[in-house]
Amino acid sequence: MIIFLLSELQIRKPTFDKMLEILEKAHKELHKLGGRPSRLSVLDKLIIMLGYYHDYRTMENIAFEYGVYKQRVSEAIAWIEQVLIKDGTFALPSKRELLKSNNGIQIVIVDATECET
């Protein structure tokens, strides 16, 4: 199992390729009966999600750069997260595992400034 830590977002090429492979497969499955093509490719969506977590850019800023609405960026990030979590290849350690280990972490701070509902 590969551990994907957002706080130290350093994705190596094989990991990035594996993520893209999983997302491409999910995208083909989702659109196998057709449908309107998205303005954002699967690669664009992955880069948006990684950039969002790494650089702490706002969704408005990313949307402007890609020429889409903020809602599209939010949906892209949510879709990427859901597909990668559902696949199970990428996972964070469970709370129980973190509590068992003697790593000295006492407080975890999560930046949830821009969460679409």
C-alpha atoms as a PDB file:
ATOM      1  CA  MET A   1       0.000   0.000   0.000  1.00  0.00           C
ATOM      2  CA  ILE A   2       1.285   3.445  -0.924  1.00  0.00           C
ATOM      3  CA  ILE A   3       0.858   6.189   1.668  1.00  0.00           C
ATOM      4  CA  PHE A   4      -0.214   9.530   0.198  1.00  0.00           C
ATOM      5  CA  LEU A   5       0.637  12.360   2.592  1.00  0.00           C
ATOM      6  CA  LEU A   6      -0.908  15.688   1.627  1.00  0.00           C
ATOM      7  CA  SER A   7       1.166  17.724   4.034  1.00  0.00           C
ATOM      8  CA  GLU A   8       4.364  16.716   2.247  1.00  0.00           C
ATOM      9  CA  LEU A   9       3.014  16.403  -1.266  1.00  0.00           C
ATOM     10  CA  GLN A  10       5.900  14.924  -3.169  1.00  0.00           C
ATOM     11  CA  ILE A  11       4.586  12.654  -5.873  1.00  0.00           C
ATOM     12  CA  ARG A  12       7.097  10.549  -7.742  1.00  0.00           C
ATOM     13  CA  LYS A  13       6.555   9.778 -11.445  1.00  0.00           C
ATOM     14  CA  PRO A  14       5.519   6.112 -10.956  1.00  0.00           C
ATOM     15  CA  THR A  15       2.991   7.165  -8.301  1.00  0.00           C
ATOM     16  CA  PHE A  16       1.627   9.932 -10.526  1.00  0.00           C
ATOM     17  CA  ASP A  17       1.345   7.479 -13.421  1.00  0.00           C
ATOM     18  CA  LYS A  18      -0.519   4.981 -11.220  1.00  0.00           C
ATOM     19  CA  MET A  19      -2.932   7.692 -10.068  1.00  0.00           C
ATOM     20  CA  LEU A  20      -3.548   8.737 -13.660  1.00  0.00           C
ATOM     21  CA  GLU A  21      -4.096   5.113 -14.719  1.00  0.00           C
ATOM     22  CA  ILE A  22      -6.726   4.610 -11.989  1.00  0.00           C
ATOM     23  CA  LEU A  23      -8.478   7.854 -12.899  1.00  0.00           C
ATOM     24  CA  GLU A  24      -8.450   7.136 -16.648  1.00  0.00           C
ATOM     25  CA  LYS A  25     -10.029   3.726 -15.990  1.00  0.00           C
ATOM     26  CA  ALA A  26     -12.718   5.277 -13.772  1.00  0.00           C
ATOM     27  CA  HIS A  27     -13.375   7.996 -16.360  1.00  0.00           C
ATOM     28  CA  LYS A  28     -13.824   5.425 -19.154  1.00  0.00           C
ATOM     29  CA  GLU A  29     -16.192   3.431 -16.963  1.00  0.00           C
ATOM     30  CA  LEU A  30     -18.198   6.550 -16.112  1.00  0.00           C
ATOM     31  CA  HIS A  31     -18.500   7.620 -19.747  1.00  0.00           C
ATOM     32  CA  LYS A  32     -18.775   4.238 -21.485  1.00  0.00           C
ATOM     33  CA  LEU A  33     -22.312   5.056 -22.633  1.00  0.00           C
ATOM     34  CA  GLY A  34     -21.285   8.468 -23.905  1.00  0.00           C
ATOM     35  CA  GLY A  35     -22.144  11.883 -22.567  1.00  0.00           C
ATOM     36  CA  ARG A  36     -20.922  15.400 -22.999  1.00  0.00           C
ATOM     37  CA  PRO A  37     -17.132  15.702 -22.855  1.00  0.00           C
ATOM     38  CA  SER A  38     -15.682  17.686 -19.987  1.00  0.00           C
ATOM     39  CA  ARG A  39     -13.693  20.859 -20.580  1.00  0.00           C
ATOM     40  CA  LEU A  40     -11.109  19.435 -18.177  1.00  0.00           C
ATOM     41  CA  SER A  41      -9.234  16.284 -19.091  1.00  0.00           C
ATOM     42  CA  VAL A  42      -8.478  13.633 -16.479  1.00  0.00           C
ATOM     43  CA  LEU A  43      -4.864  14.846 -16.465  1.00  0.00           C
ATOM     44  CA  ASP A  44      -6.045  18.439 -15.893  1.00  0.00           C
ATOM     45  CA  LYS A  45      -8.218  17.311 -12.980  1.00  0.00           C
ATOM     46  CA  LEU A  46      -5.343  15.422 -11.356  1.00  0.00           C
ATOM     47  CA  ILE A  47      -2.984  18.377 -11.729  1.00  0.00           C
ATOM     48  CA  ILE A  48      -5.669  20.692 -10.328  1.00  0.00           C
ATOM     49  CA  MET A  49      -6.158  18.487  -7.261  1.00  0.00           C
ATOM     50  CA  LEU A  50      -2.444  18.121  -6.589  1.00  0.00           C
ATOM     51  CA  GLY A  51      -1.859  21.840  -7.102  1.00  0.00           C
ATOM     52  CA  TYR A  52      -4.777  22.710  -4.853  1.00  0.00           C
ATOM     53  CA  TYR A  53      -3.357  20.688  -1.971  1.00  0.00           C
ATOM     54  CA  HIS A  54       0.278  21.587  -2.537  1.00  0.00           C
ATOM     55  CA  ASP A  55       0.063  25.322  -3.180  1.00  0.00           C
ATOM     56  CA  TYR A  56      -3.082  26.177  -1.168  1.00  0.00           C
ATOM     57  CA  ARG A  57      -4.387  28.124  -4.158  1.00  0.00           C
ATOM     58  CA  THR A  58      -8.019  29.166  -4.139  1.00  0.00           C
ATOM     59  CA  MET A  59     -10.507  27.410  -6.372  1.00  0.00           C
ATOM     60  CA  GLU A  60     -11.314  30.763  -7.962  1.00  0.00           C
ATOM     61  CA  ASN A  61      -7.669  31.201  -8.949  1.00  0.00           C
ATOM     62  CA  ILE A  62      -7.459  27.715 -10.425  1.00  0.00           C
ATOM     63  CA  ALA A  63     -10.780  28.166 -12.235  1.00  0.00           C
ATOM     64  CA  PHE A  64      -9.551  31.392 -13.797  1.00  0.00           C
ATOM     65  CA  GLU A  65      -6.382  29.689 -14.993  1.00  0.00           C
ATOM     66  CA  TYR A  66      -8.312  26.844 -16.646  1.00  0.00           C
ATOM     67  CA  GLY A  67     -11.164  28.993 -17.956  1.00  0.00           C
ATOM     68  CA  VAL A  68     -13.899  27.204 -16.010  1.00  0.00           C
ATOM     69  CA  TYR A  69     -16.191  28.007 -13.107  1.00  0.00           C
ATOM     70  CA  LYS A  70     -15.150  27.436  -9.490  1.00  0.00           C
ATOM     71  CA  GLN A  71     -17.804  24.713  -9.230  1.00  0.00           C
ATOM     72  CA  ARG A  72     -16.023  22.673 -11.935  1.00  0.00           C
ATOM     73  CA  VAL A  73     -12.784  22.844  -9.965  1.00  0.00           C
ATOM     74  CA  SER A  74     -14.577  21.770  -6.789  1.00  0.00           C
ATOM     75  CA  GLU A  75     -16.252  18.873  -8.612  1.00  0.00           C
ATOM     76  CA  ALA A  76     -12.938  17.822 -10.183  1.00  0.00           C
ATOM     77  CA  ILE A  77     -11.169  17.736  -6.808  1.00  0.00           C
ATOM     78  CA  ALA A  78     -14.051  15.817  -5.191  1.00  0.00           C
ATOM     79  CA  TRP A  79     -14.169  13.283  -8.047  1.00  0.00           C
ATOM     80  CA  ILE A  80     -10.410  12.661  -7.913  1.00  0.00           C
ATOM     81  CA  GLU A  81     -10.535  12.157  -4.143  1.00  0.00           C
ATOM     82  CA  GLN A  82     -13.515   9.783  -4.349  1.00  0.00           C
ATOM     83  CA  VAL A  83     -12.014   7.654  -7.125  1.00  0.00           C
ATOM     84  CA  LEU A  84      -8.613   7.327  -5.435  1.00  0.00           C
ATOM     85  CA  ILE A  85     -10.158   6.534  -2.038  1.00  0.00           C
ATOM     86  CA  LYS A  86     -12.542   3.975  -3.553  1.00  0.00           C
ATOM     87  CA  ASP A  87      -9.697   2.277  -5.425  1.00  0.00           C
ATOM     88  CA  GLY A  88      -7.828   1.679  -2.161  1.00  0.00           C
ATOM     89  CA  THR A  89      -4.313   1.890  -3.624  1.00  0.00           C
ATOM     90  CA  PHE A  90      -3.684   5.227  -1.924  1.00  0.00           C
ATOM     91  CA  ALA A  91      -4.561   5.548   1.740  1.00  0.00           C
ATOM     92  CA  LEU A  92      -3.586   7.367   4.882  1.00  0.00           C
ATOM     93  CA  PRO A  93      -2.923   5.300   7.990  1.00  0.00           C
ATOM     94  CA  SER A  94      -5.955   4.776  10.183  1.00  0.00           C
ATOM     95  CA  LYS A  95      -6.385   6.686  13.443  1.00  0.00           C
ATOM     96  CA  ARG A  96      -5.818   3.443  15.342  1.00  0.00           C
ATOM     97  CA  GLU A  97      -2.460   2.888  13.593  1.00  0.00           C
ATOM     98  CA  LEU A  98      -1.379   6.454  14.324  1.00  0.00           C
ATOM     99  CA  LEU A  99      -2.274   6.075  17.997  1.00  0.00           C
ATOM    100  CA  LYS A 100      -0.354   2.787  18.247  1.00  0.00           C
ATOM    101  CA  SER A 101       2.811   4.173  16.735  1.00  0.00           C
ATOM    102  CA  ASN A 102       5.133   6.180  18.914  1.00  0.00           C
ATOM    103  CA  ASN A 103       5.690   9.049  16.484  1.00  0.00           C
ATOM    104  CA  GLY A 104       5.099  11.908  18.917  1.00  0.00           C
ATOM    105  CA  ILE A 105       2.218  13.491  16.979  1.00  0.00           C
ATOM    106  CA  GLN A 106      -0.072  15.121  19.497  1.00  0.00           C
ATOM    107  CA  ILE A 107      -2.048  17.631  17.444  1.00  0.00           C
ATOM    108  CA  VAL A 108      -3.178  17.486  13.842  1.00  0.00           C
ATOM    109  CA  ILE A 109      -4.352  20.659  12.116  1.00  0.00           C
ATOM    110  CA  VAL A 110      -6.449  20.424   8.974  1.00  0.00           C
ATOM    111  CA  ASP A 111      -6.934  23.397   6.667  1.00  0.00           C
ATOM    112  CA  ALA A 112     -10.554  23.200   5.542  1.00  0.00           C
ATOM    113  CA  THR A 113     -10.922  26.826   4.541  1.00  0.00           C
ATOM    114  CA  GLU A 114     -12.495  26.166   1.170  1.00  0.00           C
ATOM    115  CA  CYS A 115     -14.794  23.173   1.329  1.00  0.00           C
ATOM    116  CA  GLU A 116     -17.727  23.107  -1.072  1.00  0.00           C
ATOM    117  CA  THR A 117     -20.853  21.372   0.137  1.00  0.00           C
END
